[in-house]
Amino acid sequence: MTRPLREVVFVDGVRTPFGKAKGQYAETRADDLVVKLIRELVRRHPELPPERIDEVAIAATTQTGDQGLTIGRTAAILAGLPESVPGYAIDRMCAGAMTAVTTTAGSIAFGAYDVAIAGGVEHMGRHPMGEGVDPNPRIVSERLVDPSALVMGNTAENVHDRYPAITKERTDAYAVRSQDLAAKAYADGKIQPALVPVATRSAELGFGLATTDEPMRPGTTVDDLAGLKTPFRPHGRVTAGNAAGINDGATAALLASEDAANELGLPIKMKLVTYAFAGVAPEVMAVGPIPSTEKALAKAGLTIDDIDAFEINEAFAVQVLAFLDHYGIDQNDDRVNPYGGAIAFGHPLASSGVRLMIQLARQFEEDPSIRYGITTMCVGLGMGGTVIWENPNWNGEKKGAA
């Protein structure tokens, strides 16, 4: 029996404002962040009968406590979806939400699902990265993995070693760019439409409402960053200013087959072209997006010159610059993270992949001369993930053509 593959589309994406660890969500449960987003997707799309949702896949890097117990299923129940809607949890560290999207997208393409919700959550203030894990001692004792691979900041310093042209001055300048672009995007109202306000509580301060990304530092200058400590290595290059912070937050996307979207009257913001994941030496995990992007481009029959929009996760500025230098793209290219990135907004690990997709969909909506865009990120333990998307609003022109 032959089974034709179906086109997969990104219908919508929402996220919570991101918080600092032990910040605005210090007394908010991780699963409640996800519940809020599932309810919001249903609210925004009354044309979608909830019983037509075939799956809820939610990622978390630290699957314990309020991020455990098969969070996709428990969050679906808590959100009031019908009992018939199943769910599951998924983990690929920083690429958790990205993998939730690609996994459910594969099932949609195969025909097992028509509609799915995919996303991720990380409450790093409550569940620090690595909490409760017990790495097999052979990983280090037998030198299967360099010991530095277990500390993400050390891996970023290792990438600096491999790319001597990427100086601390360059990474600081890139970090300032991220902060400036994020502040401008907020001022222009580009970010807020995807944000879902979240009620918060504090035993000390009482109840509140999270409406903006807490980690942002608008007005940051290169001089501000120049004197920051380098915690991972004496006289190093990675600082709290040119890397993402330790954050809390959640994201969720609504995906569907193109046929189901048309049947139900759902909007189509992006079309999935292909995706790829790749492995690299764990001690230089930040270069992972390079081979994953090469792999995805080859699968799609495209080249980097066909890509007119980039959303690259800014776990570390050096990671973004290694990618851009590899492809000969200027670090100030206006196709790259035009609304800012994780250095400004924050990086709640497993949730970040869908934030990239939300911002790419915004790029597509605003510029119909963009045909193809990518979302890409590095992943702990030496991986990269890349998803290529097509703009349904493409007008047949080439971006930047005269």
Foldseek 3Di string as FASTA:
>chain_A
DDFAFFWKFFQAKFKAQKEAQCGQAVPPFFLVRVLLRVLVVCVVAVLDDLVQAAEFEEEEADADDSNHDFSRAVSCVVNPRDNNHHYGYADQWLQQQVVQVVVVSVCQRRPVHFKHKTFYWFNCNVPPRPPPDDDDVCCDVVPVAPVLLVPVLQLLLVLCVVVVVCALLNLLVLLLQQLALQVVCVVVVNRQVRHDKDWGQDPVPGIDIRRHQHQADHPDDSVNVPPAASVPDHVTRFGLRQAFHAITIMMMTMMGGPVSCVVSVGHGLWIFQFKFKDFDRSSNLLQQQQVRVVVGCVVNVHDPVLAQAEEEARRGSSSVVSNCVVVVHDSPPCRYPSNHHRSGSGRSRSGRQVVSVNSVSSVLVVDLLGFKHKYKYGTRRGMIMMTMIGRPSRPPHHPPDD
